[in-house]
All heavy atoms as atom14 arrays in JSON, in Angstrom:
{
  "sequence": "TLFGTFFGLAVCIPCGYALSRRDLPFRGLIMGIFVFTMYFGGGLIPT",
  "atom14_mask": [
    [1, 1, 1, 1, 1, 1, 1, 0, 0, 0, 0, 0, 0, 0],
    [1, 1, 1, 1, 1, 1, 1, 1, 0, 0, 0, 0, 0, 0],
    [1, 1, 1, 1, 1, 1, 1, 1, 1, 1, 1, 0, 0, 0],
    [1, 1, 1, 1, 0, 0, 0, 0, 0, 0, 0, 0, 0, 0],
    [1, 1, 1, 1, 1, 1, 1, 0, 0, 0, 0, 0, 0, 0],
    [1, 1, 1, 1, 1, 1, 1, 1, 1, 1, 1, 0, 0, 0],
    [1, 1, 1, 1, 1, 1, 1, 1, 1, 1, 1, 0, 0, 0],
    [1, 1, 1, 1, 0, 0, 0, 0, 0, 0, 0, 0, 0, 0],
    [1, 1, 1, 1, 1, 1, 1, 1, 0, 0, 0, 0, 0, 0],
    [1, 1, 1, 1, 1, 0, 0, 0, 0, 0, 0, 0, 0, 0],
    [1, 1, 1, 1, 1, 1, 1, 0, 0, 0, 0, 0, 0, 0],
    [1, 1, 1, 1, 1, 1, 0, 0, 0, 0, 0, 0, 0, 0],
    [1, 1, 1, 1, 1, 1, 1, 1, 0, 0, 0, 0, 0, 0],
    [1, 1, 1, 1, 1, 1, 1, 0, 0, 0, 0, 0, 0, 0],
    [1, 1, 1, 1, 1, 1, 0, 0, 0, 0, 0, 0, 0, 0],
    [1, 1, 1, 1, 0, 0, 0, 0, 0, 0, 0, 0, 0, 0],
    [1, 1, 1, 1, 1, 1, 1, 1, 1, 1, 1, 1, 0, 0],
    [1, 1, 1, 1, 1, 0, 0, 0, 0, 0, 0, 0, 0, 0],
    [1, 1, 1, 1, 1, 1, 1, 1, 0, 0, 0, 0, 0, 0],
    [1, 1, 1, 1, 1, 1, 0, 0, 0, 0, 0, 0, 0, 0],
    [1, 1, 1, 1, 1, 1, 1, 1, 1, 1, 1, 0, 0, 0],
    [1, 1, 1, 1, 1, 1, 1, 1, 1, 1, 1, 0, 0, 0],
    [1, 1, 1, 1, 1, 1, 1, 1, 0, 0, 0, 0, 0, 0],
    [1, 1, 1, 1, 1, 1, 1, 1, 0, 0, 0, 0, 0, 0],
    [1, 1, 1, 1, 1, 1, 1, 0, 0, 0, 0, 0, 0, 0],
    [1, 1, 1, 1, 1, 1, 1, 1, 1, 1, 1, 0, 0, 0],
    [1, 1, 1, 1, 1, 1, 1, 1, 1, 1, 1, 0, 0, 0],
    [1, 1, 1, 1, 0, 0, 0, 0, 0, 0, 0, 0, 0, 0],
    [1, 1, 1, 1, 1, 1, 1, 1, 0, 0, 0, 0, 0, 0],
    [1, 1, 1, 1, 1, 1, 1, 1, 0, 0, 0, 0, 0, 0],
    [1, 1, 1, 1, 1, 1, 1, 1, 0, 0, 0, 0, 0, 0],
    [1, 1, 1, 1, 0, 0, 0, 0, 0, 0, 0, 0, 0, 0],
    [1, 1, 1, 1, 1, 1, 1, 1, 0, 0, 0, 0, 0, 0],
    [1, 1, 1, 1, 1, 1, 1, 1, 1, 1, 1, 0, 0, 0],
    [1, 1, 1, 1, 1, 1, 1, 0, 0, 0, 0, 0, 0, 0],
    [1, 1, 1, 1, 1, 1, 1, 1, 1, 1, 1, 0, 0, 0],
    [1, 1, 1, 1, 1, 1, 1, 0, 0, 0, 0, 0, 0, 0],
    [1, 1, 1, 1, 1, 1, 1, 1, 0, 0, 0, 0, 0, 0],
    [1, 1, 1, 1, 1, 1, 1, 1, 1, 1, 1, 1, 0, 0],
    [1, 1, 1, 1, 1, 1, 1, 1, 1, 1, 1, 0, 0, 0],
    [1, 1, 1, 1, 0, 0, 0, 0, 0, 0, 0, 0, 0, 0],
    [1, 1, 1, 1, 0, 0, 0, 0, 0, 0, 0, 0, 0, 0],
    [1, 1, 1, 1, 0, 0, 0, 0, 0, 0, 0, 0, 0, 0],
    [1, 1, 1, 1, 1, 1, 1, 1, 0, 0, 0, 0, 0, 0],
    [1, 1, 1, 1, 1, 1, 1, 1, 0, 0, 0, 0, 0, 0],
    [1, 1, 1, 1, 1, 1, 1, 0, 0, 0, 0, 0, 0, 0],
    [1, 1, 1, 1, 1, 1, 1, 0, 0, 0, 0, 0, 0, 0]
  ],
  "atom14_positions": [
    [[111.79, 87.01, 89.54], [110.65, 86.36, 90.19], [110.95, 86.05, 91.65], [110.14, 86.32, 92.54], [110.28, 85.07, 89.44], [109.95, 85.38, 88.09], [109.09, 84.39, 90.1], [0.0, 0.0, 0.0], [0.0, 0.0, 0.0], [0.0, 0.0, 0.0], [0.0, 0.0, 0.0], [0.0, 0.0, 0.0], [0.0, 0.0, 0.0], [0.0, 0.0, 0.0]],
    [[112.13, 85.5, 91.92], [112.48, 85.14, 93.3], [112.6, 86.37, 94.19], [111.96, 86.46, 95.24], [113.79, 84.35, 93.31], [113.75, 82.94, 92.72], [115.13, 82.3, 92.72], [112.76, 82.06, 93.48], [0.0, 0.0, 0.0], [0.0, 0.0, 0.0], [0.0, 0.0, 0.0], [0.0, 0.0, 0.0], [0.0, 0.0, 0.0], [0.0, 0.0, 0.0]],
    [[113.41, 87.33, 93.77], [113.64, 88.52, 94.6], [112.41, 89.43, 94.61], [112.13, 90.07, 95.63], [114.87, 89.29, 94.11], [116.17, 88.65, 94.48], [116.8, 87.78, 93.61], [116.76, 88.88, 95.71], [118.0, 87.18, 93.95], [117.95, 88.3, 96.07], [118.58, 87.42, 95.19], [0.0, 0.0, 0.0], [0.0, 0.0, 0.0], [0.0, 0.0, 0.0]],
    [[111.69, 89.5, 93.5], [110.48, 90.32, 93.47], [109.4, 89.76, 94.38], [108.71, 90.51, 95.07], [0.0, 0.0, 0.0], [0.0, 0.0, 0.0], [0.0, 0.0, 0.0], [0.0, 0.0, 0.0], [0.0, 0.0, 0.0], [0.0, 0.0, 0.0], [0.0, 0.0, 0.0], [0.0, 0.0, 0.0], [0.0, 0.0, 0.0], [0.0, 0.0, 0.0]],
    [[109.27, 88.44, 94.42], [108.29, 87.81, 95.31], [108.67, 88.03, 96.77], [107.81, 88.35, 97.6], [108.2, 86.3, 95.02], [107.84, 86.11, 93.64], [107.16, 85.65, 95.91], [0.0, 0.0, 0.0], [0.0, 0.0, 0.0], [0.0, 0.0, 0.0], [0.0, 0.0, 0.0], [0.0, 0.0, 0.0], [0.0, 0.0, 0.0], [0.0, 0.0, 0.0]],
    [[109.95, 87.88, 97.08], [110.4, 88.1, 98.46], [110.17, 89.55, 98.87], [109.68, 89.83, 99.97], [111.88, 87.75, 98.58], [112.46, 88.02, 99.94], [112.24, 87.14, 101.0], [113.21, 89.16, 100.18], [112.76, 87.39, 102.26], [113.74, 89.42, 101.43], [113.51, 88.54, 102.47], [0.0, 0.0, 0.0], [0.0, 0.0, 0.0], [0.0, 0.0, 0.0]],
    [[110.5, 90.48, 97.99], [110.3, 91.91, 98.31], [108.83, 92.23, 98.46], [108.43, 92.96, 99.39], [110.91, 92.76, 97.19], [110.68, 94.24, 97.37], [111.41, 94.98, 98.27], [109.7, 94.89, 96.62], [111.18, 96.34, 98.44], [109.46, 96.25, 96.78], [110.21, 96.97, 97.69], [0.0, 0.0, 0.0], [0.0, 0.0, 0.0], [0.0, 0.0, 0.0]],
    [[107.98, 91.69, 97.59], [106.56, 91.95, 97.68], [105.95, 91.42, 98.96], [105.15, 92.1, 99.61], [0.0, 0.0, 0.0], [0.0, 0.0, 0.0], [0.0, 0.0, 0.0], [0.0, 0.0, 0.0], [0.0, 0.0, 0.0], [0.0, 0.0, 0.0], [0.0, 0.0, 0.0], [0.0, 0.0, 0.0], [0.0, 0.0, 0.0], [0.0, 0.0, 0.0]],
    [[106.34, 90.21, 99.37], [105.84, 89.66, 100.62], [106.34, 90.46, 101.82], [105.6, 90.7, 102.78], [106.28, 88.19, 100.76], [105.61, 87.19, 99.82], [106.24, 85.82, 99.98], [104.11, 87.13, 100.06], [0.0, 0.0, 0.0], [0.0, 0.0, 0.0], [0.0, 0.0, 0.0], [0.0, 0.0, 0.0], [0.0, 0.0, 0.0], [0.0, 0.0, 0.0]],
    [[107.61, 90.88, 101.76], [108.19, 91.63, 102.87], [107.5, 92.98, 103.08], [107.5, 93.51, 104.2], [109.69, 91.86, 102.63], [0.0, 0.0, 0.0], [0.0, 0.0, 0.0], [0.0, 0.0, 0.0], [0.0, 0.0, 0.0], [0.0, 0.0, 0.0], [0.0, 0.0, 0.0], [0.0, 0.0, 0.0], [0.0, 0.0, 0.0], [0.0, 0.0, 0.0]],
    [[106.89, 93.52, 102.03], [106.2, 94.81, 102.14], [104.7, 94.61, 102.39], [104.11, 95.25, 103.27], [106.43, 95.66, 100.88], [105.59, 96.94, 100.93], [107.9, 96.01, 100.73], [0.0, 0.0, 0.0], [0.0, 0.0, 0.0], [0.0, 0.0, 0.0], [0.0, 0.0, 0.0], [0.0, 0.0, 0.0], [0.0, 0.0, 0.0], [0.0, 0.0, 0.0]],
    [[104.07, 93.73, 101.61], [102.61, 93.58, 101.66], [102.12, 92.94, 102.96], [101.1, 93.37, 103.52], [102.13, 92.74, 100.47], [102.32, 93.55, 98.88], [0.0, 0.0, 0.0], [0.0, 0.0, 0.0], [0.0, 0.0, 0.0], [0.0, 0.0, 0.0], [0.0, 0.0, 0.0], [0.0, 0.0, 0.0], [0.0, 0.0, 0.0], [0.0, 0.0, 0.0]],
    [[102.82, 91.92, 103.47], [102.35, 91.22, 104.66], [102.36, 92.15, 105.89], [101.32, 92.27, 106.57], [103.2, 89.97, 104.93], [103.03, 88.96, 103.78], [102.83, 89.32, 106.25], [101.64, 88.38, 103.66], [0.0, 0.0, 0.0], [0.0, 0.0, 0.0], [0.0, 0.0, 0.0], [0.0, 0.0, 0.0], [0.0, 0.0, 0.0], [0.0, 0.0, 0.0]],
    [[103.46, 92.82, 106.23], [103.4, 93.74, 107.39], [102.42, 94.87, 107.2], [101.74, 95.27, 108.15], [104.84, 94.27, 107.5], [105.68, 93.28, 106.77], [104.82, 92.76, 105.66], [0.0, 0.0, 0.0], [0.0, 0.0, 0.0], [0.0, 0.0, 0.0], [0.0, 0.0, 0.0], [0.0, 0.0, 0.0], [0.0, 0.0, 0.0], [0.0, 0.0, 0.0]],
    [[102.33, 95.39, 105.96], [101.43, 96.5, 105.7], [99.97, 96.06, 105.87], [99.17, 96.76, 106.5], [101.66, 97.03, 104.29], [100.7, 98.48, 103.88], [0.0, 0.0, 0.0], [0.0, 0.0, 0.0], [0.0, 0.0, 0.0], [0.0, 0.0, 0.0], [0.0, 0.0, 0.0], [0.0, 0.0, 0.0], [0.0, 0.0, 0.0], [0.0, 0.0, 0.0]],
    [[99.63, 94.92, 105.31], [98.26, 94.42, 105.44], [97.89, 94.11, 106.87], [96.78, 94.41, 107.32], [0.0, 0.0, 0.0], [0.0, 0.0, 0.0], [0.0, 0.0, 0.0], [0.0, 0.0, 0.0], [0.0, 0.0, 0.0], [0.0, 0.0, 0.0], [0.0, 0.0, 0.0], [0.0, 0.0, 0.0], [0.0, 0.0, 0.0], [0.0, 0.0, 0.0]],
    [[98.84, 93.53, 107.62], [98.56, 93.22, 109.03], [98.38, 94.51, 109.83], [97.48, 94.61, 110.68], [99.69, 92.38, 109.62], [99.62, 92.27, 111.11], [98.6, 91.56, 111.73], [100.56, 92.92, 111.92], [98.51, 91.49, 113.12], [100.49, 92.85, 113.3], [99.46, 92.13, 113.89], [99.38, 92.07, 115.27], [0.0, 0.0, 0.0], [0.0, 0.0, 0.0]],
    [[99.25, 95.49, 109.59], [99.15, 96.76, 110.33], [97.79, 97.43, 110.08], [97.17, 97.95, 111.0], [100.29, 97.68, 109.94], [0.0, 0.0, 0.0], [0.0, 0.0, 0.0], [0.0, 0.0, 0.0], [0.0, 0.0, 0.0], [0.0, 0.0, 0.0], [0.0, 0.0, 0.0], [0.0, 0.0, 0.0], [0.0, 0.0, 0.0], [0.0, 0.0, 0.0]],
    [[97.33, 97.39, 108.84], [96.05, 98.01, 108.52], [94.86, 97.23, 109.09], [93.75, 97.76, 109.18], [95.89, 98.13, 107.0], [96.79, 99.18, 106.33], [96.73, 99.06, 104.82], [96.41, 100.58, 106.78], [0.0, 0.0, 0.0], [0.0, 0.0, 0.0], [0.0, 0.0, 0.0], [0.0, 0.0, 0.0], [0.0, 0.0, 0.0], [0.0, 0.0, 0.0]],
    [[95.08, 95.98, 109.46], [94.01, 95.2, 110.07], [93.85, 95.51, 111.56], [92.82, 95.16, 112.16], [94.28, 93.71, 109.89], [95.37, 93.28, 110.69], [0.0, 0.0, 0.0], [0.0, 0.0, 0.0], [0.0, 0.0, 0.0], [0.0, 0.0, 0.0], [0.0, 0.0, 0.0], [0.0, 0.0, 0.0], [0.0, 0.0, 0.0], [0.0, 0.0, 0.0]],
    [[94.84, 96.16, 112.15], [94.78, 96.49, 113.57], [93.92, 97.73, 113.79], [94.15, 98.78, 113.19], [96.19, 96.74, 114.1], [97.09, 95.51, 114.12], [96.86, 94.71, 115.37], [97.2, 95.47, 116.55], [98.42, 95.43, 117.11], [99.37, 94.68, 116.61], [98.67, 96.16, 118.2], [0.0, 0.0, 0.0], [0.0, 0.0, 0.0], [0.0, 0.0, 0.0]],
    [[92.94, 97.61, 114.68], [92.03, 98.73, 114.95], [92.71, 99.84, 115.73], [92.21, 100.96, 115.76], [90.8, 98.22, 115.7], [89.92, 97.29, 114.9], [88.68, 96.89, 115.65], [87.76, 96.1, 114.84], [87.84, 94.79, 114.7], [88.79, 94.12, 115.35], [86.97, 94.14, 113.94], [0.0, 0.0, 0.0], [0.0, 0.0, 0.0], [0.0, 0.0, 0.0]],
    [[93.83, 99.54, 116.39], [94.52, 100.56, 117.18], [95.57, 101.31, 116.37], [96.34, 102.09, 116.93], [95.18, 99.91, 118.4], [96.14, 98.8, 118.03], [96.04, 98.29, 116.9], [97.0, 98.43, 118.86], [0.0, 0.0, 0.0], [0.0, 0.0, 0.0], [0.0, 0.0, 0.0], [0.0, 0.0, 0.0], [0.0, 0.0, 0.0], [0.0, 0.0, 0.0]],
    [[95.62, 101.1, 115.05], [96.58, 101.83, 114.21], [96.08, 103.25, 114.0], [94.97, 103.47, 113.51], [96.73, 101.13, 112.85], [97.64, 101.83, 111.84], [99.09, 101.77, 112.3], [97.5, 101.2, 110.46], [0.0, 0.0, 0.0], [0.0, 0.0, 0.0], [0.0, 0.0, 0.0], [0.0, 0.0, 0.0], [0.0, 0.0, 0.0], [0.0, 0.0, 0.0]],
    [[96.88, 104.27, 114.36], [96.46, 105.67, 114.16], [96.28, 105.99, 112.67], [97.08, 105.54, 111.84], [97.61, 106.47, 114.77], [98.32, 105.53, 115.68], [98.17, 104.17, 115.07], [0.0, 0.0, 0.0], [0.0, 0.0, 0.0], [0.0, 0.0, 0.0], [0.0, 0.0, 0.0], [0.0, 0.0, 0.0], [0.0, 0.0, 0.0], [0.0, 0.0, 0.0]],
    [[95.25, 106.74, 112.35], [94.96, 107.19, 110.98], [94.8, 106.01, 110.01], [95.14, 106.1, 108.83], [96.05, 108.13, 110.47], [96.34, 109.28, 111.38], [97.52, 109.31, 112.11], [95.44, 110.32, 111.53], [97.8, 110.36, 112.96], [95.71, 111.38, 112.36], [96.89, 111.41, 113.1], [0.0, 0.0, 0.0], [0.0, 0.0, 0.0], [0.0, 0.0, 0.0]],
    [[94.27, 104.91, 110.52], [94.11, 103.73, 109.67], [93.2, 104.02, 108.48], [93.49, 103.63, 107.35], [93.56, 102.56, 110.49], [93.49, 101.26, 109.7], [92.94, 100.12, 110.54], [91.54, 100.31, 110.87], [90.69, 99.31, 111.08], [91.11, 98.06, 111.01], [89.43, 99.54, 111.38], [0.0, 0.0, 0.0], [0.0, 0.0, 0.0], [0.0, 0.0, 0.0]],
    [[92.1, 104.7, 108.73], [91.16, 105.0, 107.64], [91.78, 105.9, 106.58], [91.56, 105.69, 105.39], [0.0, 0.0, 0.0], [0.0, 0.0, 0.0], [0.0, 0.0, 0.0], [0.0, 0.0, 0.0], [0.0, 0.0, 0.0], [0.0, 0.0, 0.0], [0.0, 0.0, 0.0], [0.0, 0.0, 0.0], [0.0, 0.0, 0.0], [0.0, 0.0, 0.0]],
    [[92.54, 106.9, 107.01], [93.19, 107.82, 106.07], [94.22, 107.09, 105.21], [94.27, 107.27, 103.98], [93.85, 108.97, 106.84], [94.64, 109.97, 106.0], [93.72, 110.68, 105.0], [95.34, 110.99, 106.9], [0.0, 0.0, 0.0], [0.0, 0.0, 0.0], [0.0, 0.0, 0.0], [0.0, 0.0, 0.0], [0.0, 0.0, 0.0], [0.0, 0.0, 0.0]],
    [[95.03, 106.27, 105.84], [96.05, 105.52, 105.11], [95.4, 104.58, 104.1], [95.83, 104.48, 102.94], [96.94, 104.73, 106.09], [97.69, 105.68, 107.01], [97.92, 103.84, 105.33], [98.46, 105.0, 108.12], [0.0, 0.0, 0.0], [0.0, 0.0, 0.0], [0.0, 0.0, 0.0], [0.0, 0.0, 0.0], [0.0, 0.0, 0.0], [0.0, 0.0, 0.0]],
    [[94.34, 103.9, 104.52], [93.64, 102.99, 103.62], [93.02, 103.74, 102.46], [93.03, 103.28, 101.31], [92.58, 102.23, 104.4], [92.07, 100.98, 103.7], [93.34, 99.73, 103.53], [93.11, 99.27, 101.82], [0.0, 0.0, 0.0], [0.0, 0.0, 0.0], [0.0, 0.0, 0.0], [0.0, 0.0, 0.0], [0.0, 0.0, 0.0], [0.0, 0.0, 0.0]],
    [[92.49, 104.93, 102.75], [91.91, 105.75, 101.69], [92.94, 106.17, 100.66], [92.66, 106.18, 99.45], [0.0, 0.0, 0.0], [0.0, 0.0, 0.0], [0.0, 0.0, 0.0], [0.0, 0.0, 0.0], [0.0, 0.0, 0.0], [0.0, 0.0, 0.0], [0.0, 0.0, 0.0], [0.0, 0.0, 0.0], [0.0, 0.0, 0.0], [0.0, 0.0, 0.0]],
    [[94.14, 106.53, 101.12], [95.22, 106.91, 100.19], [95.61, 105.72, 99.32], [95.83, 105.85, 98.11], [96.44, 107.44, 100.98], [96.07, 108.75, 101.69], [97.63, 107.64, 100.06], [97.15, 109.27, 102.61], [0.0, 0.0, 0.0], [0.0, 0.0, 0.0], [0.0, 0.0, 0.0], [0.0, 0.0, 0.0], [0.0, 0.0, 0.0], [0.0, 0.0, 0.0]],
    [[95.7, 104.55, 99.93], [96.04, 103.34, 99.17], [95.0, 103.06, 98.09], [95.34, 102.78, 96.94], [96.16, 102.14, 100.11], [97.49, 102.07, 100.82], [98.46, 103.02, 100.63], [97.76, 101.03, 101.69], [99.68, 102.97, 101.28], [98.97, 100.95, 102.36], [99.94, 101.94, 102.15], [0.0, 0.0, 0.0], [0.0, 0.0, 0.0], [0.0, 0.0, 0.0]],
    [[93.74, 103.11, 98.49], [92.66, 102.82, 97.53], [92.64, 103.86, 96.42], [92.36, 103.54, 95.25], [91.31, 102.76, 98.26], [90.16, 102.62, 97.27], [91.29, 101.59, 99.25], [0.0, 0.0, 0.0], [0.0, 0.0, 0.0], [0.0, 0.0, 0.0], [0.0, 0.0, 0.0], [0.0, 0.0, 0.0], [0.0, 0.0, 0.0], [0.0, 0.0, 0.0]],
    [[92.96, 105.12, 96.74], [92.99, 106.18, 95.73], [93.97, 105.84, 94.61], [93.7, 106.09, 93.43], [93.38, 107.5, 96.4], [93.46, 108.66, 95.45], [92.31, 109.36, 95.1], [94.66, 109.05, 94.9], [92.37, 110.42, 94.22], [94.74, 110.11, 94.02], [93.58, 110.81, 93.68], [0.0, 0.0, 0.0], [0.0, 0.0, 0.0], [0.0, 0.0, 0.0]],
    [[95.13, 105.24, 94.98], [96.13, 104.91, 93.97], [95.69, 103.78, 93.06], [96.27, 103.6, 91.98], [97.46, 104.52, 94.64], [97.26, 103.33, 95.44], [97.96, 105.64, 95.54], [0.0, 0.0, 0.0], [0.0, 0.0, 0.0], [0.0, 0.0, 0.0], [0.0, 0.0, 0.0], [0.0, 0.0, 0.0], [0.0, 0.0, 0.0], [0.0, 0.0, 0.0]],
    [[94.66, 103.03, 93.46], [94.15, 101.96, 92.6], [93.38, 102.52, 91.41], [93.27, 101.87, 90.37], [93.25, 101.01, 93.4], [93.96, 100.23, 94.49], [92.83, 99.17, 95.43], [92.36, 97.97, 94.18], [0.0, 0.0, 0.0], [0.0, 0.0, 0.0], [0.0, 0.0, 0.0], [0.0, 0.0, 0.0], [0.0, 0.0, 0.0], [0.0, 0.0, 0.0]],
    [[92.83, 103.72, 91.56], [91.98, 104.3, 90.52], [92.66, 105.45, 89.78], [92.25, 105.76, 88.65], [90.67, 104.79, 91.14], [89.86, 103.71, 91.78], [89.92, 103.46, 93.15], [89.03, 102.89, 91.01], [89.17, 102.46, 93.74], [88.28, 101.88, 91.58], [88.35, 101.67, 92.96], [87.61, 100.67, 93.53], [0.0, 0.0, 0.0], [0.0, 0.0, 0.0]],
    [[93.62, 106.09, 90.39], [94.26, 107.25, 89.77], [95.78, 107.09, 89.81], [96.34, 106.7, 90.84], [93.86, 108.55, 90.5], [92.37, 108.79, 90.53], [91.62, 108.41, 91.63], [91.73, 109.37, 89.45], [90.26, 108.62, 91.67], [90.36, 109.58, 89.48], [89.62, 109.2, 90.58], [0.0, 0.0, 0.0], [0.0, 0.0, 0.0], [0.0, 0.0, 0.0]],
    [[96.42, 107.39, 88.68], [97.87, 107.31, 88.6], [98.41, 108.44, 87.74], [97.66, 109.09, 86.98], [0.0, 0.0, 0.0], [0.0, 0.0, 0.0], [0.0, 0.0, 0.0], [0.0, 0.0, 0.0], [0.0, 0.0, 0.0], [0.0, 0.0, 0.0], [0.0, 0.0, 0.0], [0.0, 0.0, 0.0], [0.0, 0.0, 0.0], [0.0, 0.0, 0.0]],
    [[99.7, 108.68, 87.82], [100.3, 109.77, 87.07], [100.43, 109.5, 85.59], [100.48, 110.42, 84.79], [0.0, 0.0, 0.0], [0.0, 0.0, 0.0], [0.0, 0.0, 0.0], [0.0, 0.0, 0.0], [0.0, 0.0, 0.0], [0.0, 0.0, 0.0], [0.0, 0.0, 0.0], [0.0, 0.0, 0.0], [0.0, 0.0, 0.0], [0.0, 0.0, 0.0]],
    [[100.5, 108.24, 85.2], [100.68, 107.91, 83.79], [102.12, 107.52, 83.5], [103.0, 107.56, 84.36], [0.0, 0.0, 0.0], [0.0, 0.0, 0.0], [0.0, 0.0, 0.0], [0.0, 0.0, 0.0], [0.0, 0.0, 0.0], [0.0, 0.0, 0.0], [0.0, 0.0, 0.0], [0.0, 0.0, 0.0], [0.0, 0.0, 0.0], [0.0, 0.0, 0.0]],
    [[102.37, 107.16, 82.26], [103.67, 106.63, 81.86], [104.79, 107.67, 81.93], [105.87, 107.4, 82.47], [103.58, 106.05, 80.45], [104.88, 105.52, 79.85], [105.43, 104.37, 80.7], [104.66, 105.06, 78.41], [0.0, 0.0, 0.0], [0.0, 0.0, 0.0], [0.0, 0.0, 0.0], [0.0, 0.0, 0.0], [0.0, 0.0, 0.0], [0.0, 0.0, 0.0]],
    [[104.54, 108.86, 81.39], [105.61, 109.87, 81.31], [106.05, 110.34, 82.7], [107.26, 110.37, 82.99], [105.16, 111.05, 80.43], [104.97, 110.58, 78.99], [106.19, 112.18, 80.48], [104.47, 111.63, 78.03], [0.0, 0.0, 0.0], [0.0, 0.0, 0.0], [0.0, 0.0, 0.0], [0.0, 0.0, 0.0], [0.0, 0.0, 0.0], [0.0, 0.0, 0.0]],
    [[105.14, 110.73, 83.6], [105.59, 111.1, 84.95], [106.31, 109.95, 85.66], [107.29, 110.17, 86.38], [104.29, 111.46, 85.67], [103.36, 111.85, 84.59], [103.69, 110.96, 83.44], [0.0, 0.0, 0.0], [0.0, 0.0, 0.0], [0.0, 0.0, 0.0], [0.0, 0.0, 0.0], [0.0, 0.0, 0.0], [0.0, 0.0, 0.0], [0.0, 0.0, 0.0]],
    [[105.82, 108.71, 85.46], [106.48, 107.56, 86.08], [107.9, 107.4, 85.56], [108.84, 107.15, 86.32], [105.68, 106.28, 85.82], [104.35, 106.44, 86.29], [106.32, 105.09, 86.52], [0.0, 0.0, 0.0], [0.0, 0.0, 0.0], [0.0, 0.0, 0.0], [0.0, 0.0, 0.0], [0.0, 0.0, 0.0], [0.0, 0.0, 0.0], [0.0, 0.0, 0.0]]
  ]
}
């Protein structure tokens, strides 16, 4: 819980802030790829 929370914050906070910047190149494409993973996944065996 402690290390997982720290790791999650260390990744999610910079990533979320970067995607909020309008001057980020390919922001729409990156966001689209992220959203795609919310609906489609490889499944248990490939994972």
